[in-house]
Amino acid sequence: MYPIDFFYRAAKLHPERFALQSSQAIITYRELAKRVESLATALQSLDPTPQSRVGICAANTTDHAMGILAAMAAGKIWVPLNARSTRPEIERILSATEPSIVITDESGAVLVGDSTRHHLHFGDTDPAAGVNKLIAQYTGKTPLPITSGEDAIQAIKFTGGTTGAPKGVMQPYRAWTAGIINQISGWQITADDCYVVTAPVTHGTSTYIMPLLAQGARLLFLDKTDPGSIIAAFRDQGGTMSFMPPTLIYMVMAYPGVMRSDFPKLRSLIYGGAPMPAEKVEQVREFFGPVVGTTYGQTEAPQIVTMMRPSELGDPLNKGSVGRCTWLTDLGIMATDGSLLPTNEIGEVVVRGDLVMKGYWRLPEKTAETIVDGWLHTGDVGLVDERGYLFLKDRIRDVIITGGFNVYPTDVENALSQHPSVYECSVFGVPDDKWGEAVQAAVHLRPGFSEDPESLMAYVKNALGSVQTPKHIHFFDQLPKSSVGKVLKTAIKEQIQKR
């Protein structure tokens, strides 16, 4: 059974239910299945080669979701192209993956240019190469079945590239199937759910599309993903769940006049993509209620290696945890010599099982460095307690060694975030002649608040001691972030050097 088969099964069971909705369109499962099959047949006609690549660069729309499903149904490898990215970055991904077909909307067409063999368009920008024309041309046709096997590739997704060059992660069918099963089971997704699409479908949101469609749920696409539009979707359109990066959640909470009653049916607000300090978790739970959950994963093991359900997140013992391991996945903590560590000892988080990637696209040496004896080396530092809950510390490369002591930036960020003046912060190390590395912090204060660096340093020292106290604090109006909301420590350091 391939990932697309989950959707086809739901279309038979729920033909008249709404699958995709926006201000421009409401598409039932029956209609969506017809459009997907027609476009998938067209894609196979344009390029009959199984496992050839299809790149899609577009905003979050019902068309974009339909295009992803069609690429999957055609047995193609989906290459996500983030419409919030830059033209050089898009060109680099296209050059690396060489897709035979690229589909764009108007904004995506600007980023893609004219370098591809088959360039298709959503909407009416170019009717001659329009997706709608192909769907009409192939209406009633069905694509040839997929026969590639569960270890064949479903998608090539590029890592965020916050440090080093991004790599193309080959996600196999088995990883997508494992994700579908775990999302449905973990979040108890049903046909009554309405998922509000807020984060880009090219990234973490894509791991929710298939589980929701597998259950006959509804995906609600917004014209804009500003806080006001998001709040209106939950208040007026019956939104029940969503996945958001922490920064977007904070923006929604800070929107003037917003109240918990604006989210009458919300039952699962899932944060991920970046860590959320423990103090912030409590603030989010206090605002939205006991509906907040989280997952831990990487592009190399997508989204849901571990999960923390809302019912678990309220347990004081779980403060700072990202949950327990999901089905079809094994998790360990490994020492530098390759041995697995016992509970409550800190080491590198390693993962194996169906969720793990096949490797990096055309980078066999990097693949061999990352997957060793079946274990995916995540580069994250953490521990697992006696109950099986994973507590992350930091990326291995982010651990600060100062005066011979290991300092985990997350610990310092958690302490700083508890200060009433601090809205957001990021902690990092810089070379230092005396200490080897010095702990420093970038801080974004709450509107209307002011603080001097010394008072914040004293606050951290009181909480954690002198070793973990930042030697210098830099104030920012906004912390630099990637297109998917991750704080960019490299960019912070660069800005500090310019100062």
Protein backbone atom coordinates (compact mmCIF):
# COMPACT_ATOMS: atom_id res chain seq x y z
CA MET A 1 0.00 0.00 0.00
CA TYR A 2 1.40 3.37 -1.03
CA PRO A 3 0.71 6.72 0.71
CA ILE A 4 -1.66 7.90 -2.04
CA ASP A 5 -3.82 4.80 -1.47
CA PHE A 6 -4.88 6.20 1.91
CA PHE A 7 -6.45 9.14 0.09
CA TYR A 8 -8.15 6.97 -2.53
CA ARG A 9 -9.69 4.82 0.19
CA ALA A 10 -11.08 7.89 1.97
CA ALA A 11 -12.49 9.26 -1.31
CA LYS A 12 -14.53 6.07 -1.68
CA LEU A 13 -15.73 6.18 1.92
CA HIS A 14 -16.46 9.95 2.06
CA PRO A 15 -17.16 11.07 -1.53
CA GLU A 16 -19.36 14.06 -0.61
CA ARG A 17 -17.36 15.36 2.32
CA PHE A 18 -15.27 18.49 1.85
CA ALA A 19 -11.59 17.67 1.32
CA LEU A 20 -10.11 21.08 0.47
CA GLN A 21 -11.55 24.50 1.19
CA SER A 22 -10.50 28.10 0.57
CA SER A 23 -12.24 31.39 -0.10
CA GLN A 24 -12.16 30.51 -3.81
CA ALA A 25 -13.10 26.83 -3.79
CA ILE A 26 -14.68 23.97 -1.88
CA ILE A 27 -13.67 20.58 -3.28
CA THR A 28 -15.27 17.29 -2.26
CA TYR A 29 -13.37 14.04 -1.99
CA ARG A 30 -15.11 12.75 -5.13
CA GLU A 31 -14.10 15.80 -7.18
CA LEU A 32 -10.58 15.88 -5.76
CA ALA A 33 -10.00 12.21 -6.61
CA LYS A 34 -11.11 12.84 -10.20
CA ARG A 35 -8.81 15.84 -10.57
CA VAL A 36 -5.88 14.01 -8.98
CA GLU A 37 -6.28 11.01 -11.28
CA SER A 38 -6.57 13.20 -14.38
CA LEU A 39 -3.52 15.28 -13.55
CA ALA A 40 -1.52 12.20 -12.52
CA THR A 41 -2.30 10.63 -15.91
CA ALA A 42 -1.16 13.82 -17.61
CA LEU A 43 2.11 13.82 -15.66
CA GLN A 44 2.77 10.23 -16.71
CA SER A 45 2.03 11.20 -20.31
CA LEU A 46 4.49 14.11 -20.17
CA ASP A 47 7.17 11.87 -18.65
CA PRO A 48 6.45 8.10 -18.54
CA THR A 49 9.58 7.36 -16.49
CA PRO A 50 8.70 6.05 -13.01
CA GLN A 51 10.35 7.96 -10.14
CA SER A 52 11.15 11.02 -12.25
CA ARG A 53 10.98 14.30 -10.35
CA VAL A 54 8.16 16.86 -10.21
CA GLY A 55 8.93 20.19 -8.57
CA ILE A 56 6.10 22.37 -7.25
CA CYS A 57 6.62 26.03 -6.31
CA ALA A 58 3.45 27.77 -5.17
CA ALA A 59 1.74 29.39 -2.22
CA ASN A 60 -0.48 27.42 0.17
CA THR A 61 -3.56 26.76 -1.97
CA THR A 62 -6.00 23.98 -2.79
CA ASP A 63 -4.29 23.73 -6.20
CA HIS A 64 -0.94 23.18 -4.54
CA ALA A 65 -2.33 20.34 -2.42
CA MET A 66 -3.98 18.78 -5.47
CA GLY A 67 -0.66 19.00 -7.35
CA ILE A 68 1.18 17.18 -4.57
CA LEU A 69 -1.41 14.41 -4.57
CA ALA A 70 -1.18 14.10 -8.36
CA ALA A 71 2.60 13.77 -8.26
CA MET A 72 2.21 11.04 -5.66
CA ALA A 73 -0.49 9.25 -7.66
CA ALA A 74 1.70 9.35 -10.78
CA GLY A 75 4.52 7.55 -9.00
CA LYS A 76 6.72 10.63 -9.26
CA ILE A 77 9.16 12.04 -6.73
CA TRP A 78 7.84 15.29 -5.30
CA VAL A 79 10.42 18.08 -4.95
CA PRO A 80 9.00 20.87 -2.74
CA LEU A 81 10.09 24.38 -3.74
CA ASN A 82 9.34 26.96 -1.08
CA ALA A 83 7.62 30.00 -2.61
CA ARG A 84 9.02 32.10 0.26
CA SER A 85 12.57 31.23 -0.75
CA THR A 86 14.92 33.04 -3.13
CA ARG A 87 15.57 32.50 -6.81
CA PRO A 88 19.19 31.35 -6.30
CA GLU A 89 18.06 28.79 -3.73
CA ILE A 90 15.30 27.49 -6.02
CA GLU A 91 17.72 27.31 -8.93
CA ARG A 92 20.18 25.34 -6.79
CA ILE A 93 17.51 22.76 -5.88
CA LEU A 94 16.36 22.49 -9.50
CA SER A 95 19.92 22.00 -10.66
CA ALA A 96 20.52 19.30 -8.05
CA THR A 97 17.31 17.32 -8.62
CA GLU A 98 16.72 17.93 -12.36
CA PRO A 99 12.92 17.61 -12.35
CA SER A 100 11.41 16.89 -15.74
CA ILE A 101 8.22 18.75 -14.74
CA VAL A 102 7.79 21.89 -12.65
CA ILE A 103 4.41 23.31 -11.62
CA THR A 104 4.10 26.88 -10.35
CA ASP A 105 1.63 29.58 -9.55
CA GLU A 106 2.28 33.19 -10.58
CA SER A 107 4.69 33.95 -7.74
CA GLY A 108 6.48 30.61 -8.09
CA ALA A 109 7.01 31.16 -11.81
CA VAL A 110 9.18 34.19 -11.01
CA LEU A 111 11.44 32.07 -8.80
CA VAL A 112 11.65 29.12 -11.17
CA GLY A 113 12.36 30.94 -14.44
CA ASP A 114 12.33 29.01 -17.73
CA SER A 115 15.00 26.37 -17.24
CA THR A 116 12.80 23.28 -17.08
CA ARG A 117 11.54 20.98 -19.84
CA HIS A 118 7.86 20.99 -18.87
CA HIS A 119 6.66 24.06 -16.98
CA LEU A 120 3.00 23.87 -15.96
CA HIS A 121 0.94 26.61 -14.33
CA PHE A 122 -1.85 26.69 -11.78
CA GLY A 123 -4.56 29.19 -12.64
CA ASP A 124 -4.88 31.07 -15.92
CA THR A 125 -1.42 32.62 -16.16
CA ASP A 126 -0.62 30.52 -19.24
CA PRO A 127 -3.70 28.59 -20.42
CA ALA A 128 -1.68 26.66 -22.99
CA ALA A 129 0.41 25.10 -20.21
CA GLY A 130 -2.33 25.25 -17.61
CA VAL A 131 -3.00 22.50 -15.12
CA ASN A 132 -6.75 22.94 -15.63
CA LYS A 133 -6.35 22.32 -19.36
CA LEU A 134 -4.50 19.07 -18.68
CA ILE A 135 -7.11 17.97 -16.17
CA ALA A 136 -9.85 18.59 -18.74
CA GLN A 137 -7.84 16.78 -21.42
CA TYR A 138 -7.35 13.67 -19.28
CA THR A 139 -10.70 13.63 -17.48
CA GLY A 140 -11.85 10.09 -16.86
CA LYS A 141 -8.37 8.61 -17.33
CA THR A 142 -6.54 6.81 -14.53
CA PRO A 143 -2.77 6.69 -14.03
CA LEU A 144 -0.73 3.51 -14.30
CA PRO A 145 -0.30 1.87 -10.90
CA ILE A 146 2.82 2.41 -8.80
CA THR A 147 5.14 -0.61 -8.65
CA SER A 148 8.35 0.89 -7.28
CA GLY A 149 8.29 -0.76 -3.84
CA GLU A 150 8.09 0.74 -0.35
CA ASP A 151 11.77 1.73 -0.26
CA ALA A 152 11.44 3.86 -3.41
CA ILE A 153 11.39 7.64 -3.00
CA GLN A 154 8.23 9.66 -2.37
CA ALA A 155 9.88 13.06 -1.92
CA ILE A 156 13.22 14.84 -1.95
CA LYS A 157 13.08 17.55 0.69
CA PHE A 158 15.94 19.91 1.33
CA THR A 159 17.07 20.62 4.85
CA GLY A 160 16.71 24.14 6.16
CA GLY A 161 20.35 25.06 5.69
CA THR A 162 20.63 27.22 8.84
CA THR A 163 24.20 25.90 9.09
CA GLY A 164 26.12 24.48 6.15
CA ALA A 165 24.80 23.66 2.69
CA PRO A 166 21.26 22.21 2.55
CA LYS A 167 21.05 18.55 1.57
CA GLY A 168 18.36 16.74 -0.41
CA VAL A 169 16.73 14.19 1.89
CA MET A 170 15.25 11.17 0.09
CA GLN A 171 12.07 10.27 1.98
CA PRO A 172 10.83 6.79 0.97
CA TYR A 173 7.25 5.57 0.74
CA ARG A 174 7.71 3.61 3.98
CA ALA A 175 8.56 6.81 5.88
CA TRP A 176 5.40 8.53 4.63
CA THR A 177 3.28 5.51 5.51
CA ALA A 178 4.75 5.39 9.02
CA GLY A 179 4.05 9.10 9.42
CA ILE A 180 0.43 8.70 8.29
CA ILE A 181 -0.18 5.90 10.78
CA ASN A 182 1.43 7.77 13.66
CA GLN A 183 -0.28 11.10 13.00
CA ILE A 184 -3.71 9.45 12.82
CA SER A 185 -3.08 7.37 15.93
CA GLY A 186 -1.29 10.04 17.93
CA TRP A 187 -3.67 12.96 17.34
CA GLN A 188 -6.79 10.79 17.02
CA ILE A 189 -7.68 12.39 13.67
CA THR A 190 -11.26 11.83 12.49
CA ALA A 191 -13.50 12.90 9.64
CA ASP A 192 -14.83 15.69 11.86
CA ASP A 193 -11.50 17.51 11.94
CA CYS A 194 -10.85 20.78 10.15
CA TYR A 195 -7.14 21.48 9.82
CA VAL A 196 -6.18 25.15 9.42
CA VAL A 197 -3.18 25.33 7.07
CA THR A 198 -0.84 28.00 8.44
CA ALA A 199 2.76 26.84 7.81
CA PRO A 200 4.11 26.10 4.29
CA VAL A 201 2.96 22.80 2.78
CA THR A 202 6.48 22.44 1.40
CA HIS A 203 7.72 21.80 4.92
CA GLY A 204 6.28 20.31 8.12
CA THR A 205 2.66 20.88 7.14
CA SER A 206 3.00 18.32 4.34
CA THR A 207 3.26 15.55 6.93
CA TYR A 208 -0.31 16.34 8.05
CA ILE A 209 -1.96 16.43 4.62
CA MET A 210 -2.13 12.69 4.03
CA PRO A 211 -3.17 11.65 7.59
CA LEU A 212 -6.05 14.15 7.49
CA LEU A 213 -7.18 13.16 4.00
CA ALA A 214 -6.87 9.50 4.94
CA GLN A 215 -9.54 10.06 7.59
CA GLY A 216 -11.92 12.16 5.50
CA ALA A 217 -11.05 15.41 7.30
CA ARG A 218 -11.05 18.93 5.79
CA LEU A 219 -8.02 21.09 4.96
CA LEU A 220 -8.74 24.82 5.21
CA PHE A 221 -6.42 27.08 3.19
CA LEU A 222 -6.17 30.79 4.01
CA ASP A 223 -5.70 33.74 1.66
CA LYS A 224 -3.20 35.13 4.17
CA THR A 225 -1.50 33.52 7.15
CA ASP A 226 -1.42 36.63 9.32
CA PRO A 227 -2.71 36.28 12.91
CA GLY A 228 -6.06 37.94 12.14
CA SER A 229 -6.84 35.49 9.32
CA ILE A 230 -5.78 32.52 11.43
CA ILE A 231 -7.98 33.58 14.33
CA ALA A 232 -10.95 34.13 11.99
CA ALA A 233 -10.50 30.63 10.54
CA PHE A 234 -10.75 29.03 13.95
CA ARG A 235 -13.56 31.29 15.10
CA ASP A 236 -15.75 31.23 11.97
CA GLN A 237 -14.79 28.11 10.00
CA GLY A 238 -14.69 25.47 12.72
CA GLY A 239 -10.94 24.86 12.82
CA THR A 240 -10.06 21.96 15.14
CA MET A 241 -6.32 21.58 14.72
CA SER A 242 -3.18 23.07 13.21
CA PHE A 243 0.59 22.83 13.21
CA MET A 244 2.51 26.09 13.73
CA PRO A 245 6.07 27.16 14.49
CA PRO A 246 6.40 28.77 17.93
CA THR A 247 6.91 32.26 16.50
CA LEU A 248 3.53 32.16 14.75
CA ILE A 249 1.80 30.96 17.92
CA TYR A 250 3.28 33.89 19.84
CA MET A 251 2.03 36.30 17.16
CA VAL A 252 -1.49 34.88 17.36
CA MET A 253 -1.50 35.22 21.16
CA ALA A 254 -0.31 38.84 20.90
CA TYR A 255 -3.03 39.86 18.43
CA PRO A 256 -5.16 42.72 19.85
CA GLY A 257 -8.39 41.52 21.42
CA VAL A 258 -7.84 37.80 20.84
CA MET A 259 -9.40 35.45 23.43
CA ARG A 260 -9.58 31.73 24.03
CA SER A 261 -13.23 31.86 22.96
CA ASP A 262 -12.02 32.66 19.41
CA PHE A 263 -10.99 29.00 19.18
CA PRO A 264 -14.24 27.22 20.09
CA LYS A 265 -13.45 23.86 18.45
CA LEU A 266 -9.67 23.78 18.76
CA ARG A 267 -8.51 20.47 20.19
CA SER A 268 -4.93 20.06 18.88
CA LEU A 269 -2.48 22.94 18.52
CA ILE A 270 0.82 21.29 17.58
CA TYR A 271 4.04 23.22 17.71
CA GLY A 272 7.29 22.17 16.10
CA GLY A 273 10.02 23.15 13.69
CA ALA A 274 11.86 24.95 16.48
CA PRO A 275 12.09 24.50 20.26
CA MET A 276 9.76 26.28 22.63
CA PRO A 277 11.14 27.18 26.06
CA ALA A 278 9.33 25.49 28.93
CA GLU A 279 8.07 28.80 30.28
CA LYS A 280 6.58 29.64 26.87
CA VAL A 281 4.85 26.25 26.77
CA GLU A 282 3.09 27.11 30.03
CA GLN A 283 2.02 30.50 28.65
CA VAL A 284 0.62 28.90 25.49
CA ARG A 285 -1.25 26.26 27.51
CA GLU A 286 -2.64 28.94 29.79
CA PHE A 287 -3.93 30.89 26.80
CA PHE A 288 -5.32 28.08 24.59
CA GLY A 289 -6.12 25.50 27.25
CA PRO A 290 -5.10 21.83 27.43
CA VAL A 291 -4.92 21.42 23.64
CA VAL A 292 -1.19 21.96 23.06
CA GLY A 293 1.03 19.15 21.83
CA THR A 294 4.38 18.77 20.13
CA THR A 295 6.46 16.41 18.05
CA TYR A 296 10.15 15.86 17.44
CA GLY A 297 11.61 14.84 14.13
CA GLN A 298 13.85 15.94 11.30
CA THR A 299 13.61 16.06 7.55
CA GLU A 300 15.69 12.87 7.73
CA ALA A 301 13.04 11.25 9.96
CA PRO A 302 10.01 13.39 9.25
CA GLN A 303 8.06 15.11 11.97
CA ILE A 304 7.05 12.42 14.38
CA VAL A 305 9.93 10.41 15.84
CA THR A 306 8.41 11.30 19.21
CA MET A 307 5.19 13.01 20.16
CA MET A 308 3.73 14.67 23.23
CA ARG A 309 -0.06 14.65 23.40
CA PRO A 310 -1.90 17.52 25.09
CA SER A 311 -2.92 15.22 27.94
CA GLU A 312 0.75 14.49 28.65
CA LEU A 313 2.12 18.01 28.26
CA GLY A 314 0.39 19.18 31.44
CA ASP A 315 2.29 16.69 33.62
CA PRO A 316 5.03 18.58 35.55
CA LEU A 317 7.34 15.59 35.06
CA ASN A 318 7.19 16.21 31.31
CA LYS A 319 8.27 19.84 31.44
CA GLY A 320 10.82 20.31 28.67
CA SER A 321 10.17 16.93 27.06
CA VAL A 322 9.20 16.27 23.43
CA GLY A 323 7.39 13.04 24.22
CA ARG A 324 7.88 9.35 23.67
CA CYS A 325 8.81 7.32 20.63
CA THR A 326 6.09 6.57 18.07
CA TRP A 327 5.21 3.31 16.33
CA LEU A 328 7.58 1.77 13.76
CA THR A 329 10.50 3.81 15.13
CA ASP A 330 13.28 3.03 17.59
CA LEU A 331 15.10 5.71 19.57
CA GLY A 332 18.38 5.61 21.45
CA ILE A 333 20.95 7.83 23.12
CA MET A 334 24.47 7.08 21.87
CA ALA A 335 27.90 7.83 23.29
CA THR A 336 30.77 9.06 21.11
CA ASP A 337 32.18 5.50 20.98
CA GLY A 338 28.97 4.19 19.38
CA SER A 339 27.58 2.47 22.48
CA LEU A 340 23.98 3.04 23.57
CA LEU A 341 23.66 4.84 26.88
CA PRO A 342 21.33 3.96 29.77
CA THR A 343 18.43 6.14 30.88
CA ASN A 344 19.08 9.67 32.13
CA GLU A 345 22.51 9.90 30.51
CA ILE A 346 23.20 12.61 27.93
CA GLY A 347 24.38 11.71 24.44
CA GLU A 348 23.44 11.95 20.77
CA VAL A 349 19.88 11.10 19.79
CA VAL A 350 19.86 8.27 17.23
CA VAL A 351 16.87 6.86 15.36
CA ARG A 352 16.14 3.77 13.27
CA GLY A 353 13.07 2.21 11.67
CA ASP A 354 10.62 2.90 8.86
CA LEU A 355 10.59 6.66 9.42
CA VAL A 356 14.28 7.08 8.55
CA MET A 357 15.29 8.52 5.18
CA LYS A 358 16.81 6.47 2.38
CA GLY A 359 19.76 8.86 2.25
CA TYR A 360 20.91 12.19 0.86
CA TRP A 361 20.32 12.80 -2.85
CA ARG A 362 23.56 12.09 -4.74
CA LEU A 363 25.65 12.39 -1.57
CA PRO A 364 26.60 8.78 -0.69
CA GLU A 365 29.52 9.78 1.54
CA LYS A 366 27.32 12.12 3.60
CA THR A 367 24.69 9.39 3.82
CA ALA A 368 27.27 6.92 5.14
CA GLU A 369 28.34 9.44 7.79
CA THR A 370 24.76 10.01 8.93
CA ILE A 371 23.31 6.47 8.87
CA VAL A 372 25.67 4.06 10.62
CA ASP A 373 24.68 0.43 11.30
CA GLY A 374 21.05 1.37 10.64
CA TRP A 375 21.05 4.26 13.13
CA LEU A 376 20.34 7.79 11.91
CA HIS A 377 22.64 10.18 13.76
CA THR A 378 20.48 13.25 14.34
CA GLY A 379 23.17 15.60 15.64
CA ASP A 380 20.89 16.43 18.57
CA VAL A 381 21.90 16.02 22.21
CA GLY A 382 19.43 14.66 24.73
CA LEU A 383 18.48 12.03 27.26
CA VAL A 384 15.65 9.55 27.76
CA ASP A 385 14.24 9.16 31.26
CA GLU A 386 13.11 5.92 32.88
CA ARG A 387 9.56 6.48 31.53
CA GLY A 388 10.76 6.71 27.94
CA TYR A 389 10.36 10.49 27.54
CA LEU A 390 12.93 12.29 25.41
CA PHE A 391 14.44 15.54 26.70
CA LEU A 392 16.45 17.47 24.12
CA LYS A 393 19.37 19.66 25.03
CA ASP A 394 20.80 21.08 21.81
CA ARG A 395 22.41 20.37 18.49
CA ILE A 396 25.87 18.86 19.04
CA ARG A 397 27.44 21.74 17.14
CA ASP A 398 25.59 24.28 19.34
CA VAL A 399 26.90 22.99 22.68
CA ILE A 400 29.13 25.67 24.19
CA ILE A 401 32.34 24.53 25.90
CA THR A 402 33.36 27.37 28.19
CA GLY A 403 36.18 27.02 30.68
CA GLY A 404 36.00 23.23 30.27
CA PHE A 405 32.28 23.07 31.09
CA ASN A 406 29.50 22.08 28.67
CA VAL A 407 26.72 24.66 28.46
CA TYR A 408 23.53 23.78 26.60
CA PRO A 409 21.98 26.89 25.01
CA THR A 410 18.47 25.52 25.53
CA ASP A 411 18.96 25.56 29.32
CA VAL A 412 20.00 29.21 29.23
CA GLU A 413 17.20 30.12 26.81
CA ASN A 414 14.67 28.48 29.13
CA ALA A 415 15.94 30.56 32.05
CA LEU A 416 16.01 33.83 30.10
CA SER A 417 12.52 33.24 28.72
CA GLN A 418 11.11 33.21 32.23
CA HIS A 419 12.06 36.85 32.71
CA PRO A 420 8.90 38.97 32.33
CA SER A 421 10.61 41.41 29.93
CA VAL A 422 11.88 38.77 27.48
CA TYR A 423 9.73 37.99 24.46
CA GLU A 424 12.21 35.75 22.62
CA CYS A 425 15.89 34.88 22.92
CA SER A 426 18.69 32.84 21.39
CA VAL A 427 21.89 31.71 23.13
CA PHE A 428 25.15 30.80 21.40
CA GLY A 429 28.90 30.60 21.89
CA VAL A 430 31.59 32.85 20.45
CA PRO A 431 35.38 32.26 20.47
CA ASP A 432 37.06 33.69 23.55
CA ASP A 433 40.76 33.81 24.45
CA LYS A 434 40.13 33.21 28.14
CA TRP A 435 37.21 30.76 28.17
CA GLY A 436 37.63 29.00 24.82
CA GLU A 437 34.04 29.97 24.11
CA ALA A 438 31.95 32.63 25.80
CA VAL A 439 28.21 32.31 26.35
CA GLN A 440 26.30 35.18 24.71
CA ALA A 441 22.61 35.85 24.12
CA ALA A 442 20.44 37.77 21.67
CA VAL A 443 17.24 39.07 23.25
CA HIS A 444 14.02 40.49 21.81
CA LEU A 445 12.16 42.34 24.59
CA ARG A 446 8.40 42.57 24.93
CA PRO A 447 6.81 45.76 23.53
CA GLY A 448 6.99 48.57 26.07
CA PHE A 449 9.61 46.84 28.24
CA SER A 450 13.21 47.91 28.79
CA GLU A 451 16.05 46.16 30.56
CA ASP A 452 19.78 46.56 30.91
CA PRO A 453 22.05 43.59 30.14
CA GLU A 454 23.33 43.38 33.72
CA SER A 455 19.87 42.75 35.18
CA LEU A 456 19.23 39.91 32.73
CA MET A 457 22.64 38.41 33.46
CA ALA A 458 21.92 38.54 37.18
CA TYR A 459 18.59 36.83 36.56
CA VAL A 460 20.25 33.94 34.75
CA LYS A 461 23.04 33.71 37.31
CA ASN A 462 20.51 33.37 40.09
CA ALA A 463 18.77 30.58 38.21
CA LEU A 464 21.70 28.64 36.73
CA GLY A 465 24.95 29.88 38.26
CA SER A 466 27.86 31.84 36.83
CA VAL A 467 29.13 29.27 34.29
CA GLN A 468 25.92 29.36 32.25
CA THR A 469 25.39 33.11 32.59
CA PRO A 470 25.88 35.03 29.31
CA LYS A 471 29.01 37.16 29.24
CA HIS A 472 27.21 39.61 26.94
CA ILE A 473 23.59 40.23 25.94
CA HIS A 474 22.67 41.82 22.61
CA PHE A 475 19.26 43.42 22.11
CA PHE A 476 17.37 42.95 18.84
CA ASP A 477 14.12 44.47 17.60
CA GLN A 478 13.47 41.12 15.86
CA LEU A 479 15.53 37.93 15.83
CA PRO A 480 16.42 36.90 12.25
CA LYS A 481 14.47 33.85 11.10
CA SER A 482 14.32 31.47 8.14
CA SER A 483 11.35 31.32 5.78
CA VAL A 484 9.78 28.66 8.03
CA GLY A 485 10.24 30.58 11.28
CA LYS A 486 13.47 29.09 12.67
CA VAL A 487 15.77 31.47 14.50
CA LEU A 488 19.03 31.74 12.56
CA LYS A 489 21.94 31.77 15.00
CA THR A 490 24.43 32.19 12.16
CA ALA A 491 22.62 35.36 11.02
CA ILE A 492 22.53 36.63 14.62
CA LYS A 493 26.30 36.22 14.92
CA GLU A 494 26.84 37.95 11.59
CA GLN A 495 24.73 40.92 12.66
CA ILE A 496 26.58 41.14 15.97
CA GLN A 497 29.94 41.13 14.15
CA LYS A 498 28.73 43.99 11.92
CA ARG A 499 27.77 45.98 15.00
